[in-house]
PDB file of all heavy atoms in Angstrom:
ATOM      1  N   PHE A   1     101.181  94.695  95.446  1.00  0.00           N
ATOM      2  CA  PHE A   1      99.906  95.124  96.017  1.00  0.00           C
ATOM      3  C   PHE A   1      99.582  96.564  95.622  1.00  0.00           C
ATOM      4  O   PHE A   1      98.445  96.881  95.254  1.00  0.00           O
ATOM      5  CB  PHE A   1      99.941  94.976  97.538  1.00  0.00           C
ATOM      6  CG  PHE A   1      98.630  95.289  98.203  1.00  0.00           C
ATOM      7  CD1 PHE A   1      97.524  94.481  97.978  1.00  0.00           C
ATOM      8  CD2 PHE A   1      98.495  96.377  99.037  1.00  0.00           C
ATOM      9  CE1 PHE A   1      96.302  94.763  98.585  1.00  0.00           C
ATOM     10  CE2 PHE A   1      97.282  96.656  99.644  1.00  0.00           C
ATOM     11  CZ  PHE A   1      96.185  95.851  99.419  1.00  0.00           C
ATOM     12  N   LEU A   2     100.592  97.443  95.663  1.00  0.00           N
ATOM     13  CA  LEU A   2     100.366  98.846  95.288  1.00  0.00           C
ATOM     14  C   LEU A   2      99.959  98.972  93.817  1.00  0.00           C
ATOM     15  O   LEU A   2      99.041  99.717  93.484  1.00  0.00           O
ATOM     16  CB  LEU A   2     101.616  99.694  95.564  1.00  0.00           C
ATOM     17  CG  LEU A   2     101.892  99.980  97.042  1.00  0.00           C
ATOM     18  CD1 LEU A   2     103.252 100.647  97.208  1.00  0.00           C
ATOM     19  CD2 LEU A   2     100.808 100.864  97.636  1.00  0.00           C
ATOM     20  N   TYR A   3     100.640  98.230  92.944  1.00  0.00           N
ATOM     21  CA  TYR A   3     100.276  98.262  91.524  1.00  0.00           C
ATOM     22  C   TYR A   3      98.883  97.665  91.307  1.00  0.00           C
ATOM     23  O   TYR A   3      98.122  98.147  90.469  1.00  0.00           O
ATOM     24  CB  TYR A   3     101.313  97.532  90.668  1.00  0.00           C
ATOM     25  CG  TYR A   3     102.547  98.367  90.396  1.00  0.00           C
ATOM     26  CD1 TYR A   3     103.805  97.954  90.822  1.00  0.00           C
ATOM     27  CD2 TYR A   3     102.452  99.572  89.702  1.00  0.00           C
ATOM     28  CE1 TYR A   3     104.941  98.723  90.573  1.00  0.00           C
ATOM     29  CE2 TYR A   3     103.579 100.349  89.453  1.00  0.00           C
ATOM     30  CZ  TYR A   3     104.821  99.917  89.883  1.00  0.00           C
ATOM     31  OH  TYR A   3     105.934 100.679  89.628  1.00  0.00           O
ATOM     32  N   TYR A   4      98.558  96.640  92.085  1.00  0.00           N
ATOM     33  CA  TYR A   4      97.229  96.024  91.983  1.00  0.00           C
ATOM     34  C   TYR A   4      96.156  97.044  92.361  1.00  0.00           C
ATOM     35  O   TYR A   4      95.136  97.168  91.684  1.00  0.00           O
ATOM     36  CB  TYR A   4      97.166  94.787  92.889  1.00  0.00           C
ATOM     37  CG  TYR A   4      95.860  94.046  92.824  1.00  0.00           C
ATOM     38  CD1 TYR A   4      95.587  93.169  91.778  1.00  0.00           C
ATOM     39  CD2 TYR A   4      94.883  94.215  93.806  1.00  0.00           C
ATOM     40  CE1 TYR A   4      94.378  92.484  91.711  1.00  0.00           C
ATOM     41  CE2 TYR A   4      93.682  93.537  93.741  1.00  0.00           C
ATOM     42  CZ  TYR A   4      93.431  92.670  92.692  1.00  0.00           C
ATOM     43  OH  TYR A   4      92.236  92.003  92.625  1.00  0.00           O
ATOM     44  N   LEU A   5      96.394  97.779  93.457  1.00  0.00           N
ATOM     45  CA  LEU A   5      95.444  98.814  93.879  1.00  0.00           C
ATOM     46  C   LEU A   5      95.304  99.903  92.823  1.00  0.00           C
ATOM     47  O   LEU A   5      94.227 100.470  92.651  1.00  0.00           O
ATOM     48  CB  LEU A   5      95.884  99.448  95.206  1.00  0.00           C
ATOM     49  CG  LEU A   5      95.772  98.583  96.454  1.00  0.00           C
ATOM     50  CD1 LEU A   5      96.281  99.339  97.663  1.00  0.00           C
ATOM     51  CD2 LEU A   5      94.333  98.141  96.681  1.00  0.00           C
ATOM     52  N   GLY A   6      96.409 100.197  92.114  1.00  0.00           N
ATOM     53  CA  GLY A   6      96.385 101.198  91.047  1.00  0.00           C
ATOM     54  C   GLY A   6      95.866 100.644  89.734  1.00  0.00           C
ATOM     55  O   GLY A   6      95.902 101.332  88.712  1.00  0.00           O
ATOM     56  N   ASN A   7      95.389  99.393  89.748  1.00  0.00           N
ATOM     57  CA  ASN A   7      94.841  98.726  88.561  1.00  0.00           C
ATOM     58  C   ASN A   7      95.860  98.593  87.432  1.00  0.00           C
ATOM     59  O   ASN A   7      95.496  98.596  86.263  1.00  0.00           O
ATOM     60  CB  ASN A   7      93.575  99.455  88.085  1.00  0.00           C
ATOM     61  CG  ASN A   7      92.615  98.503  87.391  1.00  0.00           C
ATOM     62  OD1 ASN A   7      92.677  97.290  87.615  1.00  0.00           O
ATOM     63  ND2 ASN A   7      91.750  99.028  86.552  1.00  0.00           N
ATOM     64  N   GLU A   8      97.146  98.497  87.795  1.00  0.00           N
ATOM     65  CA  GLU A   8      98.198  98.249  86.808  1.00  0.00           C
ATOM     66  C   GLU A   8      98.561  96.763  86.910  1.00  0.00           C
ATOM     67  O   GLU A   8      99.552  96.389  87.540  1.00  0.00           O
ATOM     68  CB  GLU A   8      99.409  99.139  87.095  1.00  0.00           C
ATOM     69  CG  GLU A   8      99.118 100.621  86.904  1.00  0.00           C
ATOM     70  CD  GLU A   8     100.348 101.481  87.164  1.00  0.00           C
ATOM     71  OE1 GLU A   8     101.420 101.199  86.593  1.00  0.00           O
ATOM     72  OE2 GLU A   8     100.220 102.428  87.965  1.00  0.00           O
ATOM     73  N   LEU A   9      97.739  95.937  86.275  1.00  0.00           N
ATOM     74  CA  LEU A   9      97.829  94.480  86.461  1.00  0.00           C
ATOM     75  C   LEU A   9      99.138  93.887  85.954  1.00  0.00           C
ATOM     76  O   LEU A   9      99.665  92.959  86.543  1.00  0.00           O
ATOM     77  CB  LEU A   9      96.651  93.783  85.780  1.00  0.00           C
ATOM     78  CG  LEU A   9      95.344  93.794  86.560  1.00  0.00           C
ATOM     79  CD1 LEU A   9      94.271  93.027  85.811  1.00  0.00           C
ATOM     80  CD2 LEU A   9      95.525  93.198  87.947  1.00  0.00           C
ATOM     81  N   GLU A  10      99.665  94.441  84.850  1.00  0.00           N
ATOM     82  CA  GLU A  10     100.906  93.882  84.305  1.00  0.00           C
ATOM     83  C   GLU A  10     102.055  94.041  85.292  1.00  0.00           C
ATOM     84  O   GLU A  10     102.790  93.087  85.572  1.00  0.00           O
ATOM     85  CB  GLU A  10     101.239  94.557  82.972  1.00  0.00           C
ATOM     86  CG  GLU A  10     102.300  93.816  82.182  1.00  0.00           C
ATOM     87  CD  GLU A  10     102.561  94.424  80.815  1.00  0.00           C
ATOM     88  OE1 GLU A  10     101.622  94.957  80.210  1.00  0.00           O
ATOM     89  OE2 GLU A  10     103.729  94.362  80.383  1.00  0.00           O
ATOM     90  N   GLN A  11     102.193  95.258  85.841  1.00  0.00           N
ATOM     91  CA  GLN A  11     103.241  95.513  86.835  1.00  0.00           C
ATOM     92  C   GLN A  11     102.987  94.701  88.112  1.00  0.00           C
ATOM     93  O   GLN A  11     103.919  94.162  88.707  1.00  0.00           O
ATOM     94  CB  GLN A  11     103.301  97.007  87.185  1.00  0.00           C
ATOM     95  CG  GLN A  11     103.976  97.860  86.121  1.00  0.00           C
ATOM     96  CD  GLN A  11     105.488  97.690  86.154  1.00  0.00           C
ATOM     97  OE1 GLN A  11     106.010  96.598  85.972  1.00  0.00           O
ATOM     98  NE2 GLN A  11     106.196  98.778  86.390  1.00  0.00           N
ATOM     99  N   ALA A  12     101.723  94.628  88.518  1.00  0.00           N
ATOM    100  CA  ALA A  12     101.372  93.854  89.716  1.00  0.00           C
ATOM    101  C   ALA A  12     101.764  92.392  89.529  1.00  0.00           C
ATOM    102  O   ALA A  12     102.314  91.765  90.433  1.00  0.00           O
ATOM    103  CB  ALA A  12      99.874  93.973  89.993  1.00  0.00           C
ATOM    104  N   THR A  13     101.522  91.861  88.334  1.00  0.00           N
ATOM    105  CA  THR A  13     101.874  90.466  88.033  1.00  0.00           C
ATOM    106  C   THR A  13     103.377  90.267  88.066  1.00  0.00           C
ATOM    107  O   THR A  13     103.872  89.283  88.640  1.00  0.00           O
ATOM    108  CB  THR A  13     101.310  90.053  86.653  1.00  0.00           C
ATOM    109  OG1 THR A  13      99.886  90.224  86.680  1.00  0.00           O
ATOM    110  CG2 THR A  13     101.636  88.616  86.323  1.00  0.00           C
ATOM    111  N   ASN A  14     104.130  91.214  87.453  1.00  0.00           N
ATOM    112  CA  ASN A  14     105.600  91.109  87.438  1.00  0.00           C
ATOM    113  C   ASN A  14     106.166  91.053  88.849  1.00  0.00           C
ATOM    114  O   ASN A  14     107.018  90.218  89.157  1.00  0.00           O
ATOM    115  CB  ASN A  14     106.224  92.290  86.676  1.00  0.00           C
ATOM    116  CG  ASN A  14     105.901  92.251  85.190  1.00  0.00           C
ATOM    117  OD1 ASN A  14     105.552  91.197  84.656  1.00  0.00           O
ATOM    118  ND2 ASN A  14     106.003  93.388  84.527  1.00  0.00           N
ATOM    119  N   TYR A  15     105.712  91.957  89.709  1.00  0.00           N
ATOM    120  CA  TYR A  15     106.224  91.990  91.084  1.00  0.00           C
ATOM    121  C   TYR A  15     105.722  90.805  91.912  1.00  0.00           C
ATOM    122  O   TYR A  15     106.418  90.317  92.792  1.00  0.00           O
ATOM    123  CB  TYR A  15     105.905  93.327  91.757  1.00  0.00           C
ATOM    124  CG  TYR A  15     106.894  94.399  91.343  1.00  0.00           C
ATOM    125  CD1 TYR A  15     106.534  95.407  90.458  1.00  0.00           C
ATOM    126  CD2 TYR A  15     108.206  94.371  91.815  1.00  0.00           C
ATOM    127  CE1 TYR A  15     107.451  96.376  90.058  1.00  0.00           C
ATOM    128  CE2 TYR A  15     109.128  95.333  91.418  1.00  0.00           C
ATOM    129  CZ  TYR A  15     108.751  96.329  90.541  1.00  0.00           C
ATOM    130  OH  TYR A  15     109.665  97.274  90.151  1.00  0.00           O
ATOM    131  N   ALA A  16     104.510  90.328  91.620  1.00  0.00           N
ATOM    132  CA  ALA A  16     104.009  89.126  92.313  1.00  0.00           C
ATOM    133  C   ALA A  16     104.882  87.923  91.965  1.00  0.00           C
ATOM    134  O   ALA A  16     105.250  87.133  92.839  1.00  0.00           O
ATOM    135  CB  ALA A  16     102.553  88.867  91.939  1.00  0.00           C
ATOM    136  N   ASP A  17     105.256  87.822  90.679  1.00  0.00           N
ATOM    137  CA  ASP A  17     106.144  86.720  90.254  1.00  0.00           C
ATOM    138  C   ASP A  17     107.501  86.822  90.938  1.00  0.00           C
ATOM    139  O   ASP A  17     108.045  85.815  91.408  1.00  0.00           O
ATOM    140  CB  ASP A  17     106.339  86.752  88.728  1.00  0.00           C
ATOM    141  CG  ASP A  17     105.081  86.338  87.977  1.00  0.00           C
ATOM    142  OD1 ASP A  17     104.236  85.643  88.574  1.00  0.00           O
ATOM    143  OD2 ASP A  17     104.937  86.717  86.803  1.00  0.00           O
ATOM    144  N   LEU A  18     108.040  88.052  91.017  1.00  0.00           N
ATOM    145  CA  LEU A  18     109.337  88.276  91.670  1.00  0.00           C
ATOM    146  C   LEU A  18     109.256  87.906  93.153  1.00  0.00           C
ATOM    147  O   LEU A  18     110.156  87.242  93.691  1.00  0.00           O
ATOM    148  CB  LEU A  18     109.769  89.743  91.503  1.00  0.00           C
ATOM    149  CG  LEU A  18     111.066  90.160  92.204  1.00  0.00           C
ATOM    150  CD1 LEU A  18     112.263  89.375  91.656  1.00  0.00           C
ATOM    151  CD2 LEU A  18     111.302  91.658  92.050  1.00  0.00           C
ATOM    152  N   ALA A  19     108.158  88.297  93.809  1.00  0.00           N
ATOM    153  CA  ALA A  19     107.981  88.017  95.239  1.00  0.00           C
ATOM    154  C   ALA A  19     107.924  86.507  95.487  1.00  0.00           C
ATOM    155  O   ALA A  19     108.565  85.989  96.406  1.00  0.00           O
ATOM    156  CB  ALA A  19     106.715  88.686  95.755  1.00  0.00           C
ATOM    157  N   VAL A  20     107.183  85.802  94.648  1.00  0.00           N
ATOM    158  CA  VAL A  20     107.033  84.348  94.819  1.00  0.00           C
ATOM    159  C   VAL A  20     108.345  83.632  94.525  1.00  0.00           C
ATOM    160  O   VAL A  20     108.751  82.731  95.260  1.00  0.00           O
ATOM    161  CB  VAL A  20     105.889  83.809  93.924  1.00  0.00           C
ATOM    162  CG1 VAL A  20     105.883  82.279  93.920  1.00  0.00           C
ATOM    163  CG2 VAL A  20     104.543  84.329  94.418  1.00  0.00           C
ATOM    164  N   SER A  21     109.063  84.067  93.470  1.00  0.00           N
ATOM    165  CA  SER A  21     110.332  83.402  93.135  1.00  0.00           C
ATOM    166  C   SER A  21     111.406  83.687  94.191  1.00  0.00           C
ATOM    167  O   SER A  21     112.291  82.867  94.421  1.00  0.00           O
ATOM    168  CB  SER A  21     110.812  83.806  91.740  1.00  0.00           C
ATOM    169  OG  SER A  21     111.115  85.183  91.701  1.00  0.00           O
ATOM    170  N   SER A  22     111.330  84.847  94.868  1.00  0.00           N
ATOM    171  CA  SER A  22     112.294  85.184  95.920  1.00  0.00           C
ATOM    172  C   SER A  22     112.035  84.410  97.206  1.00  0.00           C
ATOM    173  O   SER A  22     112.964  84.103  97.947  1.00  0.00           O
ATOM    174  CB  SER A  22     112.259  86.684  96.236  1.00  0.00           C
ATOM    175  OG  SER A  22     112.562  87.431  95.093  1.00  0.00           O
ATOM    176  N   ASP A  23     110.751  84.130  97.494  1.00  0.00           N
ATOM    177  CA  ASP A  23     110.401  83.390  98.710  1.00  0.00           C
ATOM    178  C   ASP A  23     109.091  82.642  98.466  1.00  0.00           C
ATOM    179  O   ASP A  23     108.007  83.212  98.609  1.00  0.00           O
ATOM    180  CB  ASP A  23     110.272  84.352  99.900  1.00  0.00           C
ATOM    181  CG  ASP A  23     109.934  83.627 101.202  1.00  0.00           C
ATOM    182  OD1 ASP A  23     109.857  82.381 101.189  1.00  0.00           O
ATOM    183  OD2 ASP A  23     109.722  84.307 102.222  1.00  0.00           O
ATOM    184  N   ARG A  24     109.202  81.377  98.117  1.00  0.00           N
ATOM    185  CA  ARG A  24     108.035  80.558  97.753  1.00  0.00           C
ATOM    186  C   ARG A  24     107.118  80.311  98.948  1.00  0.00           C
ATOM    187  O   ARG A  24     105.970  79.895  98.773  1.00  0.00           O
ATOM    188  CB  ARG A  24     108.534  79.223  97.170  1.00  0.00           C
ATOM    189  CG  ARG A  24     107.450  78.355  96.568  1.00  0.00           C
ATOM    190  CD  ARG A  24     106.958  78.917  95.258  1.00  0.00           C
ATOM    191  NE  ARG A  24     105.662  78.373  94.888  1.00  0.00           N
ATOM    192  CZ  ARG A  24     105.084  78.532  93.733  1.00  0.00           C
ATOM    193  NH1 ARG A  24     105.664  79.248  92.784  1.00  0.00           N
ATOM    194  NH2 ARG A  24     103.908  78.021  93.473  1.00  0.00           N
ATOM    195  N   TYR A  25     107.605  80.580 100.161  1.00  0.00           N
ATOM    196  CA  TYR A  25     106.795  80.315 101.354  1.00  0.00           C
ATOM    197  C   TYR A  25     106.157  81.576 101.936  1.00  0.00           C
ATOM    198  O   TYR A  25     105.662  81.557 103.052  1.00  0.00           O
ATOM    199  CB  TYR A  25     107.656  79.614 102.414  1.00  0.00           C
ATOM    200  CG  TYR A  25     108.218  78.311 101.906  1.00  0.00           C
ATOM    201  CD1 TYR A  25     109.544  78.223 101.500  1.00  0.00           C
ATOM    202  CD2 TYR A  25     107.411  77.184 101.785  1.00  0.00           C
ATOM    203  CE1 TYR A  25     110.056  77.034 100.994  1.00  0.00           C
ATOM    204  CE2 TYR A  25     107.907  76.001 101.278  1.00  0.00           C
ATOM    205  CZ  TYR A  25     109.228  75.926 100.879  1.00  0.00           C
ATOM    206  OH  TYR A  25     109.727  74.756 100.376  1.00  0.00           O
ATOM    207  N   ASN A  26     106.176  82.662 101.166  1.00  0.00           N
ATOM    208  CA  ASN A  26     105.600  83.920 101.621  1.00  0.00           C
ATOM    209  C   ASN A  26     104.105  83.932 101.286  1.00  0.00           C
ATOM    210  O   ASN A  26     103.730  84.061 100.128  1.00  0.00           O
ATOM    211  CB  ASN A  26     106.334  85.084 100.917  1.00  0.00           C
ATOM    212  CG  ASN A  26     105.801  86.441 101.315  1.00  0.00           C
ATOM    213  OD1 ASN A  26     104.735  86.568 101.905  1.00  0.00           O
ATOM    214  ND2 ASN A  26     106.553  87.477 100.969  1.00  0.00           N
ATOM    215  N   PRO A  27     103.214  83.786 102.314  1.00  0.00           N
ATOM    216  CA  PRO A  27     101.778  83.696 102.013  1.00  0.00           C
ATOM    217  C   PRO A  27     101.212  84.962 101.371  1.00  0.00           C
ATOM    218  O   PRO A  27     100.324  84.885 100.528  1.00  0.00           O
ATOM    219  CB  PRO A  27     101.138  83.431 103.377  1.00  0.00           C
ATOM    220  CG  PRO A  27     102.156  83.791 104.384  1.00  0.00           C
ATOM    221  CD  PRO A  27     103.491  83.664 103.742  1.00  0.00           C
ATOM    222  N   ALA A  28     101.758  86.135 101.754  1.00  0.00           N
ATOM    223  CA  ALA A  28     101.268  87.387 101.158  1.00  0.00           C
ATOM    224  C   ALA A  28     101.628  87.456  99.678  1.00  0.00           C
ATOM    225  O   ALA A  28     100.834  87.931  98.849  1.00  0.00           O
ATOM    226  CB  ALA A  28     101.849  88.586 101.906  1.00  0.00           C
ATOM    227  N   ALA A  29     102.825  86.974  99.329  1.00  0.00           N
ATOM    228  CA  ALA A  29     103.243  86.967  97.921  1.00  0.00           C
ATOM    229  C   ALA A  29     102.346  86.031  97.113  1.00  0.00           C
ATOM    230  O   ALA A  29     101.916  86.373  96.001  1.00  0.00           O
ATOM    231  CB  ALA A  29     104.704  86.524  97.814  1.00  0.00           C
ATOM    232  N   LEU A  30     102.050  84.862  97.671  1.00  0.00           N
ATOM    233  CA  LEU A  30     101.189  83.901  96.985  1.00  0.00           C
ATOM    234  C   LEU A  30      99.762  84.439  96.838  1.00  0.00           C
ATOM    235  O   LEU A  30      99.117  84.251  95.807  1.00  0.00           O
ATOM    236  CB  LEU A  30     101.177  82.567  97.741  1.00  0.00           C
ATOM    237  CG  LEU A  30     102.508  81.799  97.693  1.00  0.00           C
ATOM    238  CD1 LEU A  30     102.572  80.774  98.811  1.00  0.00           C
ATOM    239  CD2 LEU A  30     102.696  81.139  96.335  1.00  0.00           C
ATOM    240  N   THR A  31      99.296  85.151  97.857  1.00  0.00           N
ATOM    241  CA  THR A  31      97.956  85.755  97.794  1.00  0.00           C
ATOM    242  C   THR A  31      97.907  86.820  96.707  1.00  0.00           C
ATOM    243  O   THR A  31      96.960  86.872  95.916  1.00  0.00           O
ATOM    244  CB  THR A  31      97.565  86.349  99.166  1.00  0.00           C
ATOM    245  OG1 THR A  31      97.609  85.307 100.140  1.00  0.00           O
ATOM    246  CG2 THR A  31      96.179  86.954  99.133  1.00  0.00           C
ATOM    247  N   ASN A  32      98.951  87.670  96.650  1.00  0.00           N
ATOM    248  CA  ASN A  32      99.003  88.690  95.600  1.00  0.00           C
ATOM    249  C   ASN A  32      99.029  88.067  94.220  1.00  0.00           C
ATOM    250  O   ASN A  32      98.382  88.550  93.295  1.00  0.00           O
ATOM    251  CB  ASN A  32     100.232  89.591  95.774  1.00  0.00           C
ATOM    252  CG  ASN A  32     100.012  90.676  96.791  1.00  0.00           C
ATOM    253  OD1 ASN A  32      98.897  90.884  97.249  1.00  0.00           O
ATOM    254  ND2 ASN A  32     101.066  91.367  97.158  1.00  0.00           N
ATOM    255  N   LYS A  33      99.815  86.996  94.080  1.00  0.00           N
ATOM    256  CA  LYS A  33      99.873  86.296  92.790  1.00  0.00           C
ATOM    257  C   LYS A  33      98.486  85.764  92.433  1.00  0.00           C
ATOM    258  O   LYS A  33      98.028  85.892  91.299  1.00  0.00           O
ATOM    259  CB  LYS A  33     100.914  85.162  92.844  1.00  0.00           C
ATOM    260  CG  LYS A  33     101.044  84.390  91.548  1.00  0.00           C
ATOM    261  CD  LYS A  33     101.478  85.272  90.387  1.00  0.00           C
ATOM    262  CE  LYS A  33     101.491  84.483  89.086  1.00  0.00           C
ATOM    263  NZ  LYS A  33     101.594  85.336  87.915  1.00  0.00           N
ATOM    264  N   GLY A  34      97.818  85.192  93.420  1.00  0.00           N
ATOM    265  CA  GLY A  34      96.453  84.724  93.205  1.00  0.00           C
ATOM    266  C   GLY A  34      95.525  85.848  92.785  1.00  0.00           C
ATOM    267  O   GLY A  34      94.688  85.690  91.897  1.00  0.00           O
ATOM    268  N   ASN A  35      95.696  87.032  93.399  1.00  0.00           N
ATOM    269  CA  ASN A  35      94.851  88.181  93.066  1.00  0.00           C
ATOM    270  C   ASN A  35      95.036  88.624  91.616  1.00  0.00           C
ATOM    271  O   ASN A  35      94.062  88.971  90.940  1.00  0.00           O
ATOM    272  CB  ASN A  35      95.154  89.365  93.995  1.00  0.00           C
ATOM    273  CG  ASN A  35      94.722  89.103  95.419  1.00  0.00           C
ATOM    274  OD1 ASN A  35      94.012  88.148  95.699  1.00  0.00           O
ATOM    275  ND2 ASN A  35      95.171  89.940  96.337  1.00  0.00           N
ATOM    276  N   THR A  36      96.287  88.609  91.152  1.00  0.00           N
ATOM    277  CA  THR A  36      96.528  89.042  89.760  1.00  0.00           C
ATOM    278  C   THR A  36      95.922  88.029  88.782  1.00  0.00           C
ATOM    279  O   THR A  36      95.359  88.414  87.763  1.00  0.00           O
ATOM    280  CB  THR A  36      98.035  89.243  89.464  1.00  0.00           C
ATOM    281  OG1 THR A  36      98.726  88.009  89.656  1.00  0.00           O
ATOM    282  CG2 THR A  36      98.637  90.325  90.359  1.00  0.00           C
ATOM    283  N   VAL A  37      96.015  86.754  89.124  1.00  0.00           N
ATOM    284  CA  VAL A  37      95.428  85.708  88.278  1.00  0.00           C
ATOM    285  C   VAL A  37      93.899  85.806  88.322  1.00  0.00           C
ATOM    286  O   VAL A  37      93.221  85.693  87.298  1.00  0.00           O
ATOM    287  CB  VAL A  37      95.910  84.304  88.752  1.00  0.00           C
ATOM    288  CG1 VAL A  37      95.213  83.200  87.995  1.00  0.00           C
ATOM    289  CG2 VAL A  37      97.418  84.182  88.582  1.00  0.00           C
ATOM    290  N   PHE A  38      93.346  86.057  89.518  1.00  0.00           N
ATOM    291  CA  PHE A  38      91.894  86.233  89.702  1.00  0.00           C
ATOM    292  C   PHE A  38      91.392  87.385  88.838  1.00  0.00           C
ATOM    293  O   PHE A  38      90.366  87.274  88.164  1.00  0.00           O
ATOM    294  CB  PHE A  38      91.612  86.508  91.183  1.00  0.00           C
ATOM    295  CG  PHE A  38      90.151  86.549  91.552  1.00  0.00           C
ATOM    296  CD1 PHE A  38      89.563  85.471  92.192  1.00  0.00           C
ATOM    297  CD2 PHE A  38      89.369  87.663  91.292  1.00  0.00           C
ATOM    298  CE1 PHE A  38      88.215  85.504  92.554  1.00  0.00           C
ATOM    299  CE2 PHE A  38      88.032  87.704  91.640  1.00  0.00           C
ATOM    300  CZ  PHE A  38      87.446  86.620  92.279  1.00  0.00           C
ATOM    301  N   ALA A  39      92.143  88.502  88.851  1.00  0.00           N
ATOM    302  CA  ALA A  39      91.741  89.688  88.076  1.00  0.00           C
ATOM    303  C   ALA A  39      91.712  89.402  86.577  1.00  0.00           C
ATOM    304  O   ALA A  39      90.962  90.040  85.836  1.00  0.00           O
ATOM    305  CB  ALA A  39      92.685  90.854  88.369  1.00  0.00           C
ATOM    306  N   ASN A  40      92.513  88.424  86.141  1.00  0.00           N
ATOM    307  CA  ASN A  40      92.521  88.038  84.727  1.00  0.00           C
ATOM    308  C   ASN A  40      91.483  86.963  84.415  1.00  0.00           C
ATOM    309  O   ASN A  40      91.415  86.458  83.299  1.00  0.00           O
ATOM    310  CB  ASN A  40      93.921  87.569  84.307  1.00  0.00           C
ATOM    311  CG  ASN A  40      94.876  88.740  84.182  1.00  0.00           C
ATOM    312  OD1 ASN A  40      94.515  89.801  83.671  1.00  0.00           O
ATOM    313  ND2 ASN A  40      96.096  88.569  84.669  1.00  0.00           N
ATOM    314  N   GLY A  41      90.679  86.582  85.415  1.00  0.00           N
ATOM    315  CA  GLY A  41      89.566  85.665  85.186  1.00  0.00           C
ATOM    316  C   GLY A  41      89.884  84.184  85.309  1.00  0.00           C
ATOM    317  O   GLY A  41      89.025  83.350  85.054  1.00  0.00           O
ATOM    318  N   ASP A  42      91.122  83.840  85.718  1.00  0.00           N
ATOM    319  CA  ASP A  42      91.469  82.420  85.881  1.00  0.00           C
ATOM    320  C   ASP A  42      91.267  82.039  87.351  1.00  0.00           C
ATOM    321  O   ASP A  42      92.213  81.960  88.138  1.00  0.00           O
ATOM    322  CB  ASP A  42      92.919  82.172  85.442  1.00  0.00           C
ATOM    323  CG  ASP A  42      93.255  80.684  85.349  1.00  0.00           C
ATOM    324  OD1 ASP A  42      92.470  79.859  85.869  1.00  0.00           O
ATOM    325  OD2 ASP A  42      94.296  80.351  84.767  1.00  0.00           O
ATOM    326  N   TYR A  43      90.013  81.780  87.721  1.00  0.00           N
ATOM    327  CA  TYR A  43      89.656  81.549  89.121  1.00  0.00           C
ATOM    328  C   TYR A  43      90.208  80.234  89.651  1.00  0.00           C
ATOM    329  O   TYR A  43      90.546  80.130  90.825  1.00  0.00           O
ATOM    330  CB  TYR A  43      88.133  81.619  89.293  1.00  0.00           C
ATOM    331  CG  TYR A  43      87.546  82.878  88.709  1.00  0.00           C
ATOM    332  CD1 TYR A  43      86.603  82.832  87.681  1.00  0.00           C
ATOM    333  CD2 TYR A  43      87.961  84.130  89.151  1.00  0.00           C
ATOM    334  CE1 TYR A  43      86.088  83.992  87.135  1.00  0.00           C
ATOM    335  CE2 TYR A  43      87.446  85.299  88.602  1.00  0.00           C
ATOM    336  CZ  TYR A  43      86.510  85.219  87.594  1.00  0.00           C
ATOM    337  OH  TYR A  43      86.016  86.370  87.040  1.00  0.00           O
ATOM    338  N   GLU A  44      90.309  79.231  88.792  1.00  0.00           N
ATOM    339  CA  GLU A  44      90.836  77.933  89.200  1.00  0.00           C
ATOM    340  C   GLU A  44      92.295  78.049  89.628  1.00  0.00           C
ATOM    341  O   GLU A  44      92.698  77.560  90.685  1.00  0.00           O
ATOM    342  CB  GLU A  44      90.702  76.941  88.035  1.00  0.00           C
ATOM    343  CG  GLU A  44      90.802  75.487  88.427  1.00  0.00           C
ATOM    344  CD  GLU A  44      89.586  74.970  89.188  1.00  0.00           C
ATOM    345  OE1 GLU A  44      88.473  75.016  88.651  1.00  0.00           O
ATOM    346  OE2 GLU A  44      89.800  74.505  90.327  1.00  0.00           O
ATOM    347  N   LYS A  45      93.085  78.759  88.796  1.00  0.00           N
ATOM    348  CA  LYS A  45      94.507  78.933  89.104  1.00  0.00           C
ATOM    349  C   LYS A  45      94.677  79.829  90.336  1.00  0.00           C
ATOM    350  O   LYS A  45      95.556  79.596  91.169  1.00  0.00           O
ATOM    351  CB  LYS A  45      95.229  79.527  87.894  1.00  0.00           C
ATOM    352  CG  LYS A  45      96.732  79.452  87.988  1.00  0.00           C
ATOM    353  CD  LYS A  45      97.386  79.835  86.677  1.00  0.00           C
ATOM    354  CE  LYS A  45      98.895  79.737  86.784  1.00  0.00           C
ATOM    355  NZ  LYS A  45      99.566  80.208  85.579  1.00  0.00           N
ATOM    356  N   ALA A  46      93.838  80.854  90.433  1.00  0.00           N
ATOM    357  CA  ALA A  46      93.880  81.745  91.603  1.00  0.00           C
ATOM    358  C   ALA A  46      93.642  80.940  92.874  1.00  0.00           C
ATOM    359  O   ALA A  46      94.355  81.113  93.871  1.00  0.00           O
ATOM    360  CB  ALA A  46      92.840  82.852  91.470  1.00  0.00           C
ATOM    361  N   ALA A  47      92.668  80.031  92.834  1.00  0.00           N
ATOM    362  CA  ALA A  47      92.363  79.196  93.999  1.00  0.00           C
ATOM    363  C   ALA A  47      93.579  78.366  94.414  1.00  0.00           C
ATOM    364  O   ALA A  47      93.836  78.197  95.613  1.00  0.00           O
ATOM    365  CB  ALA A  47      91.173  78.282  93.702  1.00  0.00           C
ATOM    366  N   GLU A  48      94.351  77.895  93.430  1.00  0.00           N
ATOM    367  CA  GLU A  48      95.561  77.115  93.743  1.00  0.00           C
ATOM    368  C   GLU A  48      96.571  77.957  94.520  1.00  0.00           C
ATOM    369  O   GLU A  48      97.181  77.494  95.483  1.00  0.00           O
ATOM    370  CB  GLU A  48      96.194  76.566  92.458  1.00  0.00           C
ATOM    371  CG  GLU A  48      95.387  75.460  91.800  1.00  0.00           C
ATOM    372  CD  GLU A  48      95.055  74.301  92.730  1.00  0.00           C
ATOM    373  OE1 GLU A  48      95.959  73.843  93.464  1.00  0.00           O
ATOM    374  OE2 GLU A  48      93.890  73.870  92.733  1.00  0.00           O
TER     375      GLU A  48
END
């Protein structure tokens, strides 16, 4: 989330992936992952 706020999408994506792989049931991690995908223009995947 902090990297996302700083507009460092690559780092934000890396940590979002780590968060999701560490706990697949963490809604905040999944939301952050969605945000990084949304920022890259893949709205369909973000919605998932």
